[in-house]
């Protein structure tokens, strides 16, 4: 599969009104959801596609109540850059796995909370 860097590039623009912004956000959401199986294959993500889609939904829901149009436009620019990097295989698997905190490695218990806990577990 040949990668064309500009294949997933989007023109940076401002939303004309809230309806335009809503349309753009929904189109971006659909793109991400449709790309989930390909992302799972490309990056060898050890989770089912449903888990990947759920995490994508959570990222969009996190910004659901943004009420300023310029902020939505900036988020869309960041979204487009993230999508382009993801689909052009410019990221590494560790970048993708960082989105799955609870499922990733040991989660929040990655480092011991204090010296004694680490010592008793045999970690440095």
PDB file of N, CA and C in Angstrom:
ATOM      1  N   UNK A   1       0.837  -1.165   0.000  1.00  0.00           N
ATOM      2  CA  UNK A   1       0.000   0.000   0.000  1.00  0.00           C
ATOM      3  C   UNK A   1       0.892   1.242   0.000  1.00  0.00           C
ATOM      4  N   UNK A   2       0.824   2.007  -1.030  1.00  0.00           N
ATOM      5  CA  UNK A   2       1.595   3.241  -1.127  1.00  0.00           C
ATOM      6  C   UNK A   2       0.894   4.345  -0.345  1.00  0.00           C
ATOM      7  N   UNK A   3       1.670   5.082   0.410  1.00  0.00           N
ATOM      8  CA  UNK A   3       1.112   6.159   1.213  1.00  0.00           C
ATOM      9  C   UNK A   3       1.337   7.478   0.494  1.00  0.00           C
ATOM     10  N   UNK A   4       0.256   8.172   0.253  1.00  0.00           N
ATOM     11  CA  UNK A   4       0.322   9.501  -0.320  1.00  0.00           C
ATOM     12  C   UNK A   4       0.067  10.485   0.814  1.00  0.00           C
ATOM     13  N   UNK A   5       1.060  11.278   1.222  1.00  0.00           N
ATOM     14  CA  UNK A   5       0.888  12.144   2.387  1.00  0.00           C
ATOM     15  C   UNK A   5      -0.306  13.092   2.301  1.00  0.00           C
ATOM     16  N   UNK A   6      -0.649  13.515   1.113  1.00  0.00           N
ATOM     17  CA  UNK A   6      -1.756  14.471   0.990  1.00  0.00           C
ATOM     18  C   UNK A   6      -3.109  13.794   0.802  1.00  0.00           C
ATOM     19  N   UNK A   7      -3.138  12.492   0.810  1.00  0.00           N
ATOM     20  CA  UNK A   7      -4.393  11.783   0.563  1.00  0.00           C
ATOM     21  C   UNK A   7      -5.461  12.119   1.609  1.00  0.00           C
ATOM     22  N   UNK A   8      -5.058  12.243   2.870  1.00  0.00           N
ATOM     23  CA  UNK A   8      -6.024  12.494   3.937  1.00  0.00           C
ATOM     24  C   UNK A   8      -5.993  13.945   4.416  1.00  0.00           C
ATOM     25  N   UNK A   9      -5.296  14.801   3.702  1.00  0.00           N
ATOM     26  CA  UNK A   9      -5.206  16.207   4.098  1.00  0.00           C
ATOM     27  C   UNK A   9      -6.548  16.906   3.882  1.00  0.00           C
ATOM     28  N   UNK A  10      -6.854  17.827   4.769  1.00  0.00           N
ATOM     29  CA  UNK A  10      -8.080  18.613   4.671  1.00  0.00           C
ATOM     30  C   UNK A  10      -7.705  20.091   4.672  1.00  0.00           C
ATOM     31  N   UNK A  11      -8.501  20.875   3.999  1.00  0.00           N
ATOM     32  CA  UNK A  11      -8.282  22.313   3.964  1.00  0.00           C
ATOM     33  C   UNK A  11      -8.689  22.898   5.312  1.00  0.00           C
ATOM     34  N   UNK A  12      -7.827  23.734   5.864  1.00  0.00           N
ATOM     35  CA  UNK A  12      -8.139  24.407   7.117  1.00  0.00           C
ATOM     36  C   UNK A  12      -9.075  25.562   6.825  1.00  0.00           C
ATOM     37  N   UNK A  13     -10.227  25.550   7.483  1.00  0.00           N
ATOM     38  CA  UNK A  13     -11.187  26.621   7.247  1.00  0.00           C
ATOM     39  C   UNK A  13     -12.008  26.847   8.497  1.00  0.00           C
ATOM     40  N   UNK A  14     -12.689  27.980   8.514  1.00  0.00           N
ATOM     41  CA  UNK A  14     -13.557  28.314   9.628  1.00  0.00           C
ATOM     42  C   UNK A  14     -14.989  27.921   9.294  1.00  0.00           C
ATOM     43  N   UNK A  15     -15.725  27.579  10.317  1.00  0.00           N
ATOM     44  CA  UNK A  15     -17.136  27.250  10.130  1.00  0.00           C
ATOM     45  C   UNK A  15     -17.929  28.530   9.938  1.00  0.00           C
ATOM     46  N   UNK A  16     -18.864  28.503   9.019  1.00  0.00           N
ATOM     47  CA  UNK A  16     -19.693  29.681   8.746  1.00  0.00           C
ATOM     48  C   UNK A  16     -20.693  29.930   9.867  1.00  0.00           C
ATOM     49  N   UNK A  17     -21.247  28.841  10.432  1.00  0.00           N
ATOM     50  CA  UNK A  17     -22.222  28.945  11.512  1.00  0.00           C
ATOM     51  C   UNK A  17     -22.246  27.621  12.265  1.00  0.00           C
ATOM     52  N   UNK A  18     -23.137  27.501  13.238  1.00  0.00           N
ATOM     53  CA  UNK A  18     -23.184  26.282  14.046  1.00  0.00           C
ATOM     54  C   UNK A  18     -23.637  25.062  13.245  1.00  0.00           C
ATOM     55  N   UNK A  19     -24.504  25.256  12.275  1.00  0.00           N
ATOM     56  CA  UNK A  19     -24.935  24.123  11.442  1.00  0.00           C
ATOM     57  C   UNK A  19     -23.775  23.581  10.614  1.00  0.00           C
ATOM     58  N   UNK A  20     -22.972  24.480  10.088  1.00  0.00           N
ATOM     59  CA  UNK A  20     -21.798  24.072   9.322  1.00  0.00           C
ATOM     60  C   UNK A  20     -20.814  23.327  10.224  1.00  0.00           C
ATOM     61  N   UNK A  21     -20.592  23.833  11.422  1.00  0.00           N
ATOM     62  CA  UNK A  21     -19.675  23.182  12.363  1.00  0.00           C
ATOM     63  C   UNK A  21     -20.194  21.791  12.738  1.00  0.00           C
ATOM     64  N   UNK A  22     -21.482  21.694  12.981  1.00  0.00           N
ATOM     65  CA  UNK A  22     -22.080  20.400  13.338  1.00  0.00           C
ATOM     66  C   UNK A  22     -21.910  19.389  12.201  1.00  0.00           C
ATOM     67  N   UNK A  23     -22.132  19.847  10.988  1.00  0.00           N
ATOM     68  CA  UNK A  23     -21.976  18.971   9.825  1.00  0.00           C
ATOM     69  C   UNK A  23     -20.536  18.483   9.694  1.00  0.00           C
ATOM     70  N   UNK A  24     -19.587  19.377   9.902  1.00  0.00           N
ATOM     71  CA  UNK A  24     -18.172  19.010   9.799  1.00  0.00           C
ATOM     72  C   UNK A  24     -17.768  18.019  10.891  1.00  0.00           C
ATOM     73  N   UNK A  25     -18.252  18.239  12.100  1.00  0.00           N
ATOM     74  CA  UNK A  25     -17.914  17.351  13.217  1.00  0.00           C
ATOM     75  C   UNK A  25     -18.508  15.963  12.986  1.00  0.00           C
ATOM     76  N   UNK A  26     -19.750  15.900  12.536  1.00  0.00           N
ATOM     77  CA  UNK A  26     -20.366  14.595  12.273  1.00  0.00           C
ATOM     78  C   UNK A  26     -19.657  13.860  11.139  1.00  0.00           C
ATOM     79  N   UNK A  27     -19.218  14.592  10.115  1.00  0.00           N
ATOM     80  CA  UNK A  27     -18.475  13.966   9.021  1.00  0.00           C
ATOM     81  C   UNK A  27     -17.142  13.415   9.527  1.00  0.00           C
ATOM     82  N   UNK A  28     -16.481  14.164  10.402  1.00  0.00           N
ATOM     83  CA  UNK A  28     -15.212  13.697  10.968  1.00  0.00           C
ATOM     84  C   UNK A  28     -15.440  12.462  11.834  1.00  0.00           C
ATOM     85  N   UNK A  29     -16.514  12.467  12.619  1.00  0.00           N
ATOM     86  CA  UNK A  29     -16.842  11.316  13.466  1.00  0.00           C
ATOM     87  C   UNK A  29     -17.079  10.071  12.612  1.00  0.00           C
ATOM     88  N   UNK A  30     -17.815  10.230  11.540  1.00  0.00           N
ATOM     89  CA  UNK A  30     -18.079   9.095  10.646  1.00  0.00           C
ATOM     90  C   UNK A  30     -16.791   8.559  10.024  1.00  0.00           C
ATOM     91  N   UNK A  31     -15.897   9.467   9.660  1.00  0.00           N
ATOM     92  CA  UNK A  31     -14.609   9.030   9.099  1.00  0.00           C
ATOM     93  C   UNK A  31     -13.840   8.164  10.093  1.00  0.00           C
ATOM     94  N   UNK A  32     -13.785   8.611  11.336  1.00  0.00           N
ATOM     95  CA  UNK A  32     -13.064   7.860  12.362  1.00  0.00           C
ATOM     96  C   UNK A  32     -13.703   6.488  12.582  1.00  0.00           C
ATOM     97  N   UNK A  33     -15.026   6.465  12.683  1.00  0.00           N
ATOM     98  CA  UNK A  33     -15.723   5.201  12.952  1.00  0.00           C
ATOM     99  C   UNK A  33     -15.506   4.219  11.802  1.00  0.00           C
ATOM    100  N   UNK A  34     -15.556   4.711  10.575  1.00  0.00           N
ATOM    101  CA  UNK A  34     -15.332   3.832   9.421  1.00  0.00           C
ATOM    102  C   UNK A  34     -13.893   3.337   9.348  1.00  0.00           C
ATOM    103  N   UNK A  35     -12.956   4.114   9.885  1.00  0.00           N
ATOM    104  CA  UNK A  35     -11.533   3.754   9.812  1.00  0.00           C
ATOM    105  C   UNK A  35     -11.110   2.794  10.924  1.00  0.00           C
ATOM    106  N   UNK A  36     -11.968   2.521  11.892  1.00  0.00           N
ATOM    107  CA  UNK A  36     -11.594   1.685  13.034  1.00  0.00           C
ATOM    108  C   UNK A  36     -11.056   0.311  12.640  1.00  0.00           C
ATOM    109  N   UNK A  37     -11.693  -0.428  11.726  1.00  0.00           N
ATOM    110  CA  UNK A  37     -11.129  -1.740  11.358  1.00  0.00           C
ATOM    111  C   UNK A  37      -9.745  -1.623  10.710  1.00  0.00           C
ATOM    112  N   UNK A  38      -9.556  -0.612   9.900  1.00  0.00           N
ATOM    113  CA  UNK A  38      -8.261  -0.421   9.259  1.00  0.00           C
ATOM    114  C   UNK A  38      -7.190  -0.041  10.279  1.00  0.00           C
ATOM    115  N   UNK A  39      -7.561   0.777  11.255  1.00  0.00           N
ATOM    116  CA  UNK A  39      -6.613   1.161  12.305  1.00  0.00           C
ATOM    117  C   UNK A  39      -6.212  -0.063  13.123  1.00  0.00           C
ATOM    118  N   UNK A  40      -7.189  -0.905  13.433  1.00  0.00           N
ATOM    119  CA  UNK A  40      -6.890  -2.116  14.182  1.00  0.00           C
ATOM    120  C   UNK A  40      -5.901  -3.000  13.424  1.00  0.00           C
ATOM    121  N   UNK A  41      -6.083  -3.117  12.132  1.00  0.00           N
ATOM    122  CA  UNK A  41      -5.198  -3.941  11.311  1.00  0.00           C
ATOM    123  C   UNK A  41      -3.822  -3.317  11.146  1.00  0.00           C
ATOM    124  N   UNK A  42      -3.783  -2.019  10.821  1.00  0.00           N
ATOM    125  CA  UNK A  42      -2.511  -1.348  10.563  1.00  0.00           C
ATOM    126  C   UNK A  42      -1.605  -1.346  11.787  1.00  0.00           C
ATOM    127  N   UNK A  43      -2.169  -1.053  12.945  1.00  0.00           N
ATOM    128  CA  UNK A  43      -1.369  -0.890  14.150  1.00  0.00           C
ATOM    129  C   UNK A  43      -1.363  -2.133  15.042  1.00  0.00           C
ATOM    130  N   UNK A  44      -1.988  -3.218  14.595  1.00  0.00           N
ATOM    131  CA  UNK A  44      -2.058  -4.461  15.367  1.00  0.00           C
ATOM    132  C   UNK A  44      -2.565  -4.222  16.789  1.00  0.00           C
ATOM    133  N   UNK A  45      -3.649  -3.502  16.894  1.00  0.00           N
ATOM    134  CA  UNK A  45      -4.238  -3.194  18.197  1.00  0.00           C
ATOM    135  C   UNK A  45      -4.899  -4.458  18.735  1.00  0.00           C
ATOM    136  N   UNK A  46      -4.570  -4.866  19.964  1.00  0.00           N
ATOM    137  CA  UNK A  46      -5.093  -6.138  20.485  1.00  0.00           C
ATOM    138  C   UNK A  46      -6.501  -6.064  21.051  1.00  0.00           C
ATOM    139  N   UNK A  47      -7.283  -5.071  20.664  1.00  0.00           N
ATOM    140  CA  UNK A  47      -8.645  -4.916  21.145  1.00  0.00           C
ATOM    141  C   UNK A  47      -9.610  -5.089  19.984  1.00  0.00           C
ATOM    142  N   UNK A  48     -10.844  -5.487  20.267  1.00  0.00           N
ATOM    143  CA  UNK A  48     -11.829  -5.589  19.181  1.00  0.00           C
ATOM    144  C   UNK A  48     -12.185  -4.203  18.624  1.00  0.00           C
ATOM    145  N   UNK A  49     -12.719  -4.191  17.435  1.00  0.00           N
ATOM    146  CA  UNK A  49     -13.089  -2.938  16.771  1.00  0.00           C
ATOM    147  C   UNK A  49     -14.100  -2.165  17.611  1.00  0.00           C
ATOM    148  N   UNK A  50     -14.972  -2.867  18.300  1.00  0.00           N
ATOM    149  CA  UNK A  50     -15.974  -2.185  19.124  1.00  0.00           C
ATOM    150  C   UNK A  50     -15.326  -1.362  20.234  1.00  0.00           C
ATOM    151  N   UNK A  51     -14.244  -1.853  20.809  1.00  0.00           N
ATOM    152  CA  UNK A  51     -13.535  -1.107  21.850  1.00  0.00           C
ATOM    153  C   UNK A  51     -12.881   0.135  21.270  1.00  0.00           C
ATOM    154  N   UNK A  52     -12.324   0.005  20.088  1.00  0.00           N
ATOM    155  CA  UNK A  52     -11.687   1.147  19.424  1.00  0.00           C
ATOM    156  C   UNK A  52     -12.743   2.204  19.106  1.00  0.00           C
ATOM    157  N   UNK A  53     -13.876   1.781  18.600  1.00  0.00           N
ATOM    158  CA  UNK A  53     -14.953   2.725  18.282  1.00  0.00           C
ATOM    159  C   UNK A  53     -15.501   3.401  19.535  1.00  0.00           C
ATOM    160  N   UNK A  54     -15.596   2.652  20.619  1.00  0.00           N
ATOM    161  CA  UNK A  54     -16.059   3.240  21.877  1.00  0.00           C
ATOM    162  C   UNK A  54     -15.103   4.322  22.346  1.00  0.00           C
ATOM    163  N   UNK A  55     -13.815   4.068  22.220  1.00  0.00           N
ATOM    164  CA  UNK A  55     -12.819   5.066  22.637  1.00  0.00           C
ATOM    165  C   UNK A  55     -12.883   6.306  21.749  1.00  0.00           C
ATOM    166  N   UNK A  56     -13.110   6.109  20.449  1.00  0.00           N
ATOM    167  CA  UNK A  56     -13.272   7.249  19.540  1.00  0.00           C
ATOM    168  C   UNK A  56     -14.483   8.077  19.951  1.00  0.00           C
ATOM    169  N   UNK A  57     -15.560   7.412  20.272  1.00  0.00           N
ATOM    170  CA  UNK A  57     -16.779   8.111  20.700  1.00  0.00           C
ATOM    171  C   UNK A  57     -16.514   8.921  21.967  1.00  0.00           C
ATOM    172  N   UNK A  58     -15.761   8.350  22.889  1.00  0.00           N
ATOM    173  CA  UNK A  58     -15.445   9.059  24.125  1.00  0.00           C
ATOM    174  C   UNK A  58     -14.648  10.330  23.847  1.00  0.00           C
ATOM    175  N   UNK A  59     -13.731  10.274  22.897  1.00  0.00           N
ATOM    176  CA  UNK A  59     -12.944  11.459  22.554  1.00  0.00           C
ATOM    177  C   UNK A  59     -13.836  12.565  21.984  1.00  0.00           C
ATOM    178  N   UNK A  60     -14.793  12.191  21.158  1.00  0.00           N
ATOM    179  CA  UNK A  60     -15.712  13.198  20.616  1.00  0.00           C
ATOM    180  C   UNK A  60     -16.652  13.715  21.706  1.00  0.00           C
ATOM    181  N   UNK A  61     -17.115  12.826  22.566  1.00  0.00           N
ATOM    182  CA  UNK A  61     -18.023  13.230  23.646  1.00  0.00           C
ATOM    183  C   UNK A  61     -17.340  14.163  24.635  1.00  0.00           C
ATOM    184  N   UNK A  62     -16.040  14.032  24.783  1.00  0.00           N
ATOM    185  CA  UNK A  62     -15.302  14.884  25.713  1.00  0.00           C
ATOM    186  C   UNK A  62     -15.447  16.361  25.351  1.00  0.00           C
ATOM    187  N   UNK A  63     -15.580  16.646  24.071  1.00  0.00           N
ATOM    188  CA  UNK A  63     -15.701  18.028  23.601  1.00  0.00           C
ATOM    189  C   UNK A  63     -17.115  18.374  23.149  1.00  0.00           C
ATOM    190  N   UNK A  64     -18.083  17.616  23.577  1.00  0.00           N
ATOM    191  CA  UNK A  64     -19.453  17.790  23.107  1.00  0.00           C
ATOM    192  C   UNK A  64     -20.045  19.157  23.442  1.00  0.00           C
ATOM    193  N   UNK A  65     -19.743  19.669  24.613  1.00  0.00           N
ATOM    194  CA  UNK A  65     -20.392  20.887  25.075  1.00  0.00           C
ATOM    195  C   UNK A  65     -19.538  22.140  24.876  1.00  0.00           C
ATOM    196  N   UNK A  66     -18.648  22.105  23.916  1.00  0.00           N
ATOM    197  CA  UNK A  66     -17.897  23.309  23.565  1.00  0.00           C
ATOM    198  C   UNK A  66     -18.887  24.280  22.939  1.00  0.00           C
ATOM    199  N   UNK A  67     -18.907  25.525  23.450  1.00  0.00           N
ATOM    200  CA  UNK A  67     -19.936  26.459  22.991  1.00  0.00           C
ATOM    201  C   UNK A  67     -19.362  27.688  22.290  1.00  0.00           C
ATOM    202  N   UNK A  68     -18.140  27.596  21.827  1.00  0.00           N
ATOM    203  CA  UNK A  68     -17.545  28.708  21.085  1.00  0.00           C
ATOM    204  C   UNK A  68     -17.110  28.194  19.722  1.00  0.00           C
ATOM    205  N   UNK A  69     -17.582  28.847  18.698  1.00  0.00           N
ATOM    206  CA  UNK A  69     -17.313  28.415  17.329  1.00  0.00           C
ATOM    207  C   UNK A  69     -15.819  28.398  16.985  1.00  0.00           C
ATOM    208  N   UNK A  70     -15.021  29.393  17.384  1.00  0.00           N
ATOM    209  CA  UNK A  70     -13.584  29.327  17.089  1.00  0.00           C
ATOM    210  C   UNK A  70     -12.885  28.137  17.754  1.00  0.00           C
ATOM    211  N   UNK A  71     -13.359  27.746  18.937  1.00  0.00           N
ATOM    212  CA  UNK A  71     -12.781  26.589  19.621  1.00  0.00           C
ATOM    213  C   UNK A  71     -13.105  25.317  18.842  1.00  0.00           C
ATOM    214  N   UNK A  72     -14.309  25.213  18.344  1.00  0.00           N
ATOM    215  CA  UNK A  72     -14.696  24.057  17.528  1.00  0.00           C
ATOM    216  C   UNK A  72     -13.814  23.986  16.274  1.00  0.00           C
ATOM    217  N   UNK A  73     -13.546  25.137  15.666  1.00  0.00           N
ATOM    218  CA  UNK A  73     -12.692  25.170  14.475  1.00  0.00           C
ATOM    219  C   UNK A  73     -11.276  24.690  14.789  1.00  0.00           C
ATOM    220  N   UNK A  74     -10.737  25.097  15.927  1.00  0.00           N
ATOM    221  CA  UNK A  74      -9.396  24.640  16.317  1.00  0.00           C
ATOM    222  C   UNK A  74      -9.404  23.140  16.571  1.00  0.00           C
ATOM    223  N   UNK A  75     -10.440  22.652  17.242  1.00  0.00           N
ATOM    224  CA  UNK A  75     -10.543  21.213  17.483  1.00  0.00           C
ATOM    225  C   UNK A  75     -10.656  20.437  16.173  1.00  0.00           C
ATOM    226  N   UNK A  76     -11.329  21.000  15.199  1.00  0.00           N
ATOM    227  CA  UNK A  76     -11.437  20.341  13.901  1.00  0.00           C
ATOM    228  C   UNK A  76     -10.071  20.289  13.193  1.00  0.00           C
ATOM    229  N   UNK A  77      -9.288  21.348  13.308  1.00  0.00           N
ATOM    230  CA  UNK A  77      -7.950  21.345  12.716  1.00  0.00           C
ATOM    231  C   UNK A  77      -7.101  20.264  13.372  1.00  0.00           C
ATOM    232  N   UNK A  78      -7.169  20.161  14.704  1.00  0.00           N
ATOM    233  CA  UNK A  78      -6.425  19.124  15.411  1.00  0.00           C
ATOM    234  C   UNK A  78      -6.918  17.733  15.027  1.00  0.00           C
ATOM    235  N   UNK A  79      -8.226  17.602  14.879  1.00  0.00           N
ATOM    236  CA  UNK A  79      -8.804  16.329  14.469  1.00  0.00           C
ATOM    237  C   UNK A  79      -8.296  15.913  13.087  1.00  0.00           C
ATOM    238  N   UNK A  80      -8.283  16.855  12.159  1.00  0.00           N
ATOM    239  CA  UNK A  80      -7.836  16.539  10.806  1.00  0.00           C
ATOM    240  C   UNK A  80      -6.367  16.126  10.791  1.00  0.00           C
ATOM    241  N   UNK A  81      -5.547  16.807  11.578  1.00  0.00           N
ATOM    242  CA  UNK A  81      -4.126  16.448  11.647  1.00  0.00           C
ATOM    243  C   UNK A  81      -3.951  15.062  12.253  1.00  0.00           C
ATOM    244  N   UNK A  82      -4.702  14.776  13.300  1.00  0.00           N
ATOM    245  CA  UNK A  82      -4.619  13.466  13.958  1.00  0.00           C
ATOM    246  C   UNK A  82      -5.057  12.347  13.004  1.00  0.00           C
ATOM    247  N   UNK A  83      -6.129  12.591  12.285  1.00  0.00           N
ATOM    248  CA  UNK A  83      -6.631  11.587  11.338  1.00  0.00           C
ATOM    249  C   UNK A  83      -5.618  11.336  10.224  1.00  0.00           C
ATOM    250  N   UNK A  84      -5.027  12.398   9.710  1.00  0.00           N
ATOM    251  CA  UNK A  84      -4.038  12.251   8.645  1.00  0.00           C
ATOM    252  C   UNK A  84      -2.831  11.460   9.144  1.00  0.00           C
ATOM    253  N   UNK A  85      -2.342  11.772  10.342  1.00  0.00           N
ATOM    254  CA  UNK A  85      -1.198  11.052  10.889  1.00  0.00           C
ATOM    255  C   UNK A  85      -1.533   9.589  11.121  1.00  0.00           C
ATOM    256  N   UNK A  86      -2.734   9.339  11.600  1.00  0.00           N
ATOM    257  CA  UNK A  86      -3.138   7.969  11.897  1.00  0.00           C
ATOM    258  C   UNK A  86      -3.258   7.139  10.624  1.00  0.00           C
ATOM    259  N   UNK A  87      -3.910   7.667   9.624  1.00  0.00           N
ATOM    260  CA  UNK A  87      -4.173   6.887   8.424  1.00  0.00           C
ATOM    261  C   UNK A  87      -2.960   6.775   7.500  1.00  0.00           C
ATOM    262  N   UNK A  88      -2.018   7.690   7.616  1.00  0.00           N
ATOM    263  CA  UNK A  88      -0.790   7.590   6.821  1.00  0.00           C
ATOM    264  C   UNK A  88       0.274   6.754   7.517  1.00  0.00           C
ATOM    265  N   UNK A  89      -0.071   6.174   8.654  1.00  0.00           N
ATOM    266  CA  UNK A  89       0.826   5.295   9.405  1.00  0.00           C
ATOM    267  C   UNK A  89       2.064   6.056   9.875  1.00  0.00           C
ATOM    268  N   UNK A  90       1.856   7.297  10.296  1.00  0.00           N
ATOM    269  CA  UNK A  90       2.945   8.113  10.813  1.00  0.00           C
ATOM    270  C   UNK A  90       3.092   7.961  12.317  1.00  0.00           C
ATOM    271  N   UNK A  91       2.198   7.234  12.942  1.00  0.00           N
ATOM    272  CA  UNK A  91       2.264   6.999  14.383  1.00  0.00           C
ATOM    273  C   UNK A  91       2.825   5.610  14.638  1.00  0.00           C
ATOM    274  N   UNK A  92       3.204   5.378  15.875  1.00  0.00           N
ATOM    275  CA  UNK A  92       3.650   4.054  16.274  1.00  0.00           C
ATOM    276  C   UNK A  92       2.584   3.437  17.160  1.00  0.00           C
ATOM    277  N   UNK A  93       2.672   2.146  17.350  1.00  0.00           N
ATOM    278  CA  UNK A  93       1.660   1.443  18.123  1.00  0.00           C
ATOM    279  C   UNK A  93       1.555   2.005  19.539  1.00  0.00           C
ATOM    280  N   UNK A  94       2.679   2.419  20.119  1.00  0.00           N
ATOM    281  CA  UNK A  94       2.622   2.975  21.473  1.00  0.00           C
ATOM    282  C   UNK A  94       1.803   4.258  21.523  1.00  0.00           C
ATOM    283  N   UNK A  95       1.815   5.042  20.442  1.00  0.00           N
ATOM    284  CA  UNK A  95       0.983   6.243  20.406  1.00  0.00           C
ATOM    285  C   UNK A  95      -0.496   5.877  20.424  1.00  0.00           C
ATOM    286  N   UNK A  96      -0.835   4.840  19.703  1.00  0.00           N
ATOM    287  CA  UNK A  96      -2.230   4.399  19.640  1.00  0.00           C
ATOM    288  C   UNK A  96      -2.658   3.813  20.980  1.00  0.00           C
ATOM    289  N   UNK A  97      -1.777   3.022  21.587  1.00  0.00           N
ATOM    290  CA  UNK A  97      -2.113   2.377  22.852  1.00  0.00           C
ATOM    291  C   UNK A  97      -2.269   3.381  23.984  1.00  0.00           C
ATOM    292  N   UNK A  98      -1.698   4.569  23.849  1.00  0.00           N
ATOM    293  CA  UNK A  98      -1.824   5.564  24.914  1.00  0.00           C
ATOM    294  C   UNK A  98      -3.264   6.061  25.044  1.00  0.00           C
ATOM    295  N   UNK A  99      -4.102   5.857  24.044  1.00  0.00           N
ATOM    296  CA  UNK A  99      -5.506   6.236  24.140  1.00  0.00           C
ATOM    297  C   UNK A  99      -6.302   5.269  25.010  1.00  0.00           C
ATOM    298  N   UNK A 100      -5.761   4.093  25.237  1.00  0.00           N
ATOM    299  CA  UNK A 100      -6.466   3.060  25.992  1.00  0.00           C
ATOM    300  C   UNK A 100      -5.825   2.904  27.365  1.00  0.00           C
ATOM    301  N   UNK A 101      -5.982   3.910  28.206  1.00  0.00           N
ATOM    302  CA  UNK A 101      -5.341   3.913  29.519  1.00  0.00           C
ATOM    303  C   UNK A 101      -5.746   2.700  30.357  1.00  0.00           C
ATOM    304  N   UNK A 102      -7.038   2.444  30.471  1.00  0.00           N
ATOM    305  CA  UNK A 102      -7.483   1.364  31.353  1.00  0.00           C
ATOM    306  C   UNK A 102      -7.093  -0.005  30.820  1.00  0.00           C
ATOM    307  N   UNK A 103      -7.099  -0.175  29.504  1.00  0.00           N
ATOM    308  CA  UNK A 103      -6.752  -1.462  28.920  1.00  0.00           C
ATOM    309  C   UNK A 103      -5.252  -1.603  28.689  1.00  0.00           C
ATOM    310  N   UNK A 104      -4.548  -0.473  28.722  1.00  0.00           N
ATOM    311  CA  UNK A 104      -3.143  -0.435  28.335  1.00  0.00           C
ATOM    312  C   UNK A 104      -2.237  -0.923  29.455  1.00  0.00           C
ATOM    313  N   UNK A 105      -1.430  -1.903  29.181  1.00  0.00           N
ATOM    314  CA  UNK A 105      -0.407  -2.404  30.096  1.00  0.00           C
ATOM    315  C   UNK A 105      -0.990  -2.611  31.484  1.00  0.00           C
ATOM    316  N   UNK A 106      -0.511  -1.872  32.472  1.00  0.00           N
ATOM    317  CA  UNK A 106      -1.005  -2.030  33.833  1.00  0.00           C
ATOM    318  C   UNK A 106      -1.912  -0.875  34.230  1.00  0.00           C
ATOM    319  N   UNK A 107      -2.284  -0.025  33.302  1.00  0.00           N
ATOM    320  CA  UNK A 107      -3.176   1.085  33.626  1.00  0.00           C
ATOM    321  C   UNK A 107      -2.521   2.090  34.546  1.00  0.00           C
ATOM    322  N   UNK A 108      -3.244   2.507  35.582  1.00  0.00           N
ATOM    323  CA  UNK A 108      -2.726   3.522  36.497  1.00  0.00           C
ATOM    324  C   UNK A 108      -1.684   2.944  37.451  1.00  0.00           C
ATOM    325  N   UNK A 109      -1.588   1.626  37.552  1.00  0.00           N
ATOM    326  CA  UNK A 109      -0.607   0.985  38.432  1.00  0.00           C
ATOM    327  C   UNK A 109       0.713   0.740  37.718  1.00  0.00           C
ATOM    328  N   UNK A 110       1.000   1.536  36.724  1.00  0.00           N
ATOM    329  CA  UNK A 110       2.214   1.339  35.947  1.00  0.00           C
ATOM    330  C   UNK A 110       3.471   1.531  36.788  1.00  0.00           C
ATOM    331  N   UNK A 111       3.468   2.521  37.674  1.00  0.00           N
ATOM    332  CA  UNK A 111       4.582   2.757  38.579  1.00  0.00           C
ATOM    333  C   UNK A 111       4.112   2.568  40.013  1.00  0.00           C
ATOM    334  N   UNK A 112       4.994   2.120  40.882  1.00  0.00           N
ATOM    335  CA  UNK A 112       4.592   1.978  42.288  1.00  0.00           C
ATOM    336  C   UNK A 112       4.323   3.348  42.916  1.00  0.00           C
ATOM    337  N   UNK A 113       3.442   3.375  43.899  1.00  0.00           N
ATOM    338  CA  UNK A 113       3.068   4.624  44.547  1.00  0.00           C
ATOM    339  C   UNK A 113       4.137   5.120  45.520  1.00  0.00           C
ATOM    340  N   UNK A 114       4.890   4.198  46.091  1.00  0.00           N
ATOM    341  CA  UNK A 114       5.962   4.591  46.997  1.00  0.00           C
ATOM    342  C   UNK A 114       7.108   3.595  46.896  1.00  0.00           C
ATOM    343  N   UNK A 115       8.200   3.897  47.562  1.00  0.00           N
ATOM    344  CA  UNK A 115       9.387   3.060  47.481  1.00  0.00           C
ATOM    345  C   UNK A 115       9.124   1.654  47.994  1.00  0.00           C
ATOM    346  N   UNK A 116       8.457   1.536  49.122  1.00  0.00           N
ATOM    347  CA  UNK A 116       8.272   0.230  49.746  1.00  0.00           C
ATOM    348  C   UNK A 116       7.425  -0.692  48.870  1.00  0.00           C
ATOM    349  N   UNK A 117       6.394  -0.146  48.251  1.00  0.00           N
ATOM    350  CA  UNK A 117       5.554  -0.955  47.370  1.00  0.00           C
ATOM    351  C   UNK A 117       6.378  -1.485  46.196  1.00  0.00           C
ATOM    352  N   UNK A 118       7.187  -0.620  45.593  1.00  0.00           N
ATOM    353  CA  UNK A 118       8.050  -1.048  44.498  1.00  0.00           C
ATOM    354  C   UNK A 118       9.073  -2.069  44.944  1.00  0.00           C
ATOM    355  N   UNK A 119       9.618  -1.893  46.135  1.00  0.00           N
ATOM    356  CA  UNK A 119      10.612  -2.830  46.659  1.00  0.00           C
ATOM    357  C   UNK A 119      10.007  -4.197  46.881  1.00  0.00           C
ATOM    358  N   UNK A 120       8.807  -4.235  47.470  1.00  0.00           N
ATOM    359  CA  UNK A 120       8.160  -5.509  47.749  1.00  0.00           C
ATOM    360  C   UNK A 120       7.704  -6.214  46.480  1.00  0.00           C
ATOM    361  N   UNK A 121       7.397  -5.441  45.434  1.00  0.00           N
ATOM    362  CA  UNK A 121       7.001  -6.052  44.158  1.00  0.00           C
ATOM    363  C   UNK A 121       8.214  -6.491  43.351  1.00  0.00           C
ATOM    364  N   UNK A 122       9.397  -6.060  43.752  1.00  0.00           N
ATOM    365  CA  UNK A 122      10.609  -6.446  43.043  1.00  0.00           C
ATOM    366  C   UNK A 122      10.913  -5.558  41.846  1.00  0.00           C
ATOM    367  N   UNK A 123      10.357  -4.348  41.834  1.00  0.00           N
ATOM    368  CA  UNK A 123      10.644  -3.429  40.747  1.00  0.00           C
ATOM    369  C   UNK A 123      11.675  -2.404  41.190  1.00  0.00           C
ATOM    370  N   UNK A 124      12.345  -1.822  40.232  1.00  0.00           N
ATOM    371  CA  UNK A 124      13.303  -0.758  40.547  1.00  0.00           C
ATOM    372  C   UNK A 124      12.618   0.572  40.597  1.00  0.00           C
TER     373      UNK A 124
END
